[in-house]
Amino acid sequence: MPLDDAIFRKVMGSFASGVTVVTAVHNQNRYGMTVSSFCSVSLNPQLLLVCITTSLPTHDAIIASGAFGVSVLAADQAHLSQQFASRTADKFAGVTCIESPLGIPLIDRACAVIECTVEHQHAGGDHTIFVGRITHAAVNDSEPLAYFRGAYRSLV
């Protein structure tokens, strides 16, 4: 028997995770959204996955462009998580980005940034599971932003 949606969310929210912003560019337009479904898949080849809601513009931009970026947010970037999770028209307003080698905007001062080309995509309910081949990555020494049971947390 399926779980009640509220219980499902509470159970899944009990898994502490980092917070990422996934970005893409298509037809010279920038797209981005906050994503919690992110993980490493393989070391050889270097693959990761993100799960993106099929009804969002970022989803369509990733399919059209065949590439995406992931910015692992730093502890002081909770406001960016909220901004990219909002329905605001310009999610990049006031956000300082660096451009990846493929021209994808990545959040400046993020804990880590990654650029990927789409290797595979799989249907997953109301999401698409994108498996990306890493083409560029960088890290800095900042502390990560964490999310647990509906609230932002710090590891410090």
Protein backbone atom coordinates (compact mmCIF):
# COMPACT_ATOMS: atom_id res chain seq x y z
CA MET A 1 0.00 0.00 0.00
CA PRO A 2 1.45 3.42 -0.96
CA LEU A 3 2.45 5.86 1.76
CA ASP A 4 0.62 9.11 2.34
CA ASP A 5 2.47 11.90 0.44
CA ALA A 6 3.17 13.85 3.66
CA ILE A 7 4.74 10.80 5.32
CA PHE A 8 6.77 10.04 2.19
CA ARG A 9 8.17 13.60 2.20
CA LYS A 10 8.98 13.38 5.92
CA VAL A 11 10.72 10.02 5.52
CA MET A 12 12.78 11.23 2.54
CA GLY A 13 13.53 14.50 4.34
CA SER A 14 15.22 12.45 7.07
CA PHE A 15 18.14 11.90 4.71
CA ALA A 16 20.51 14.83 5.17
CA SER A 17 21.83 16.06 1.84
CA GLY A 18 23.80 18.79 0.24
CA VAL A 19 22.03 21.44 -1.82
CA THR A 20 22.72 21.99 -5.50
CA VAL A 21 21.66 24.34 -8.25
CA VAL A 22 21.45 22.72 -11.68
CA THR A 23 21.85 25.08 -14.65
CA ALA A 24 21.66 24.88 -18.42
CA VAL A 25 21.77 27.16 -21.45
CA HIS A 26 19.59 26.86 -24.55
CA ASN A 27 19.14 29.43 -27.32
CA GLN A 28 21.29 31.86 -25.29
CA ASN A 29 18.81 31.70 -22.37
CA ARG A 30 19.96 30.61 -18.92
CA TYR A 31 17.92 28.16 -16.86
CA GLY A 32 18.39 26.98 -13.30
CA MET A 33 16.72 25.28 -10.37
CA THR A 34 17.48 23.97 -6.90
CA VAL A 35 17.95 20.20 -6.92
CA SER A 36 18.36 17.81 -4.00
CA SER A 37 18.41 14.60 -6.07
CA PHE A 38 22.10 14.48 -6.98
CA CYS A 39 24.75 11.80 -6.53
CA SER A 40 27.85 10.18 -7.94
CA VAL A 41 27.25 7.18 -10.23
CA SER A 42 30.64 6.00 -11.49
CA LEU A 43 34.34 6.76 -11.16
CA ASN A 44 35.27 5.20 -14.52
CA PRO A 45 33.78 6.76 -16.52
CA GLN A 46 33.12 9.74 -14.28
CA LEU A 47 29.32 9.98 -14.12
CA LEU A 48 26.79 11.64 -11.84
CA LEU A 49 23.02 11.86 -11.80
CA VAL A 50 20.43 14.54 -11.20
CA CYS A 51 16.66 14.14 -11.17
CA ILE A 52 14.69 16.99 -12.74
CA THR A 53 10.92 17.54 -12.72
CA THR A 54 9.65 17.11 -16.28
CA SER A 55 7.34 20.15 -16.15
CA LEU A 56 10.09 22.71 -15.51
CA PRO A 57 11.91 24.81 -18.14
CA THR A 58 15.34 23.66 -16.92
CA HIS A 59 14.34 20.08 -17.83
CA ASP A 60 13.59 21.06 -21.42
CA ALA A 61 16.78 23.13 -21.66
CA ILE A 62 18.89 20.14 -20.58
CA ILE A 63 17.23 17.90 -23.16
CA ALA A 64 17.65 20.50 -25.93
CA SER A 65 21.26 21.42 -25.10
CA GLY A 66 22.54 18.00 -24.01
CA ALA A 67 24.53 19.55 -21.17
CA PHE A 68 24.10 20.90 -17.65
CA GLY A 69 26.03 22.31 -14.72
CA VAL A 70 25.83 21.54 -11.03
CA SER A 71 26.83 23.99 -8.30
CA VAL A 72 27.12 22.46 -4.82
CA LEU A 73 26.13 25.37 -2.61
CA ALA A 74 28.27 26.65 0.23
CA ALA A 75 26.96 27.16 3.78
CA ASP A 76 26.40 30.90 3.21
CA GLN A 77 24.38 30.39 -0.01
CA ALA A 78 20.97 29.30 1.36
CA HIS A 79 19.46 32.43 -0.20
CA LEU A 80 20.53 31.12 -3.63
CA SER A 81 18.84 27.81 -2.96
CA GLN A 82 15.63 29.70 -2.20
CA GLN A 83 16.01 31.97 -5.24
CA PHE A 84 16.50 29.07 -7.66
CA ALA A 85 13.61 27.17 -6.05
CA SER A 86 11.26 30.13 -6.52
CA ARG A 87 8.99 30.86 -9.47
CA THR A 88 10.72 34.18 -10.20
CA ALA A 89 11.20 34.91 -13.90
CA ASP A 90 14.93 35.73 -13.68
CA LYS A 91 16.49 33.29 -11.25
CA PHE A 92 19.95 34.67 -12.06
CA ALA A 93 19.14 38.25 -10.95
CA GLY A 94 21.94 39.46 -8.68
CA VAL A 95 23.75 36.10 -8.84
CA THR A 96 27.45 36.09 -9.66
CA CYS A 97 28.25 33.21 -11.99
CA ILE A 98 31.31 31.84 -13.67
CA GLU A 99 31.01 30.32 -17.12
CA SER A 100 31.99 26.68 -17.67
CA PRO A 101 34.00 25.67 -20.74
CA LEU A 102 30.68 24.75 -22.44
CA GLY A 103 29.20 28.16 -21.56
CA ILE A 104 27.00 26.96 -18.70
CA PRO A 105 26.60 29.38 -15.76
CA LEU A 106 27.95 28.00 -12.47
CA ILE A 107 27.47 29.69 -9.10
CA ASP A 108 30.53 31.65 -8.02
CA ARG A 109 32.00 30.65 -4.63
CA ALA A 110 30.02 27.40 -4.56
CA CYS A 111 31.56 24.52 -2.63
CA ALA A 112 32.07 22.68 -5.94
CA VAL A 113 31.06 23.17 -9.57
CA ILE A 114 30.65 20.51 -12.21
CA GLU A 115 29.92 20.57 -15.94
CA CYS A 116 28.38 17.53 -17.66
CA THR A 117 27.18 16.32 -21.00
CA VAL A 118 24.10 14.11 -20.94
CA GLU A 119 25.16 10.47 -21.20
CA HIS A 120 21.74 8.87 -20.54
CA GLN A 121 18.26 9.90 -19.54
CA HIS A 122 15.60 7.73 -17.96
CA ALA A 123 11.95 8.30 -17.09
CA GLY A 124 11.35 8.33 -13.35
CA GLY A 125 7.72 9.17 -12.57
CA ASP A 126 7.28 12.94 -12.84
CA HIS A 127 11.06 13.37 -13.16
CA THR A 128 13.76 12.54 -15.67
CA ILE A 129 16.92 10.96 -14.32
CA PHE A 130 19.82 12.54 -16.18
CA VAL A 131 23.15 10.73 -16.06
CA GLY A 132 25.90 13.20 -16.89
CA ARG A 133 29.47 12.59 -18.00
CA ILE A 134 31.70 15.03 -16.16
CA THR A 135 33.69 17.25 -18.51
CA HIS A 136 34.90 19.87 -16.01
CA ALA A 137 34.91 20.23 -12.22
CA ALA A 138 36.44 22.44 -9.55
CA VAL A 139 36.26 22.74 -5.75
CA ASN A 140 36.97 25.39 -3.15
CA ASP A 141 37.47 25.17 0.60
CA SER A 142 34.07 26.49 1.71
CA GLU A 143 31.77 24.54 4.02
CA PRO A 144 28.73 22.94 2.32
CA LEU A 145 25.10 23.90 2.77
CA ALA A 146 23.09 20.97 4.15
CA TYR A 147 19.36 20.29 4.17
CA PHE A 148 17.62 18.09 6.74
CA ARG A 149 13.94 17.73 7.67
CA GLY A 150 12.84 20.87 5.89
CA ALA A 151 15.57 23.21 7.11
CA TYR A 152 19.00 24.38 6.02
CA ARG A 153 21.81 23.24 8.27
CA SER A 154 25.51 23.82 8.63
CA LEU A 155 28.11 21.18 9.33
CA VAL A 156 30.07 23.66 11.45
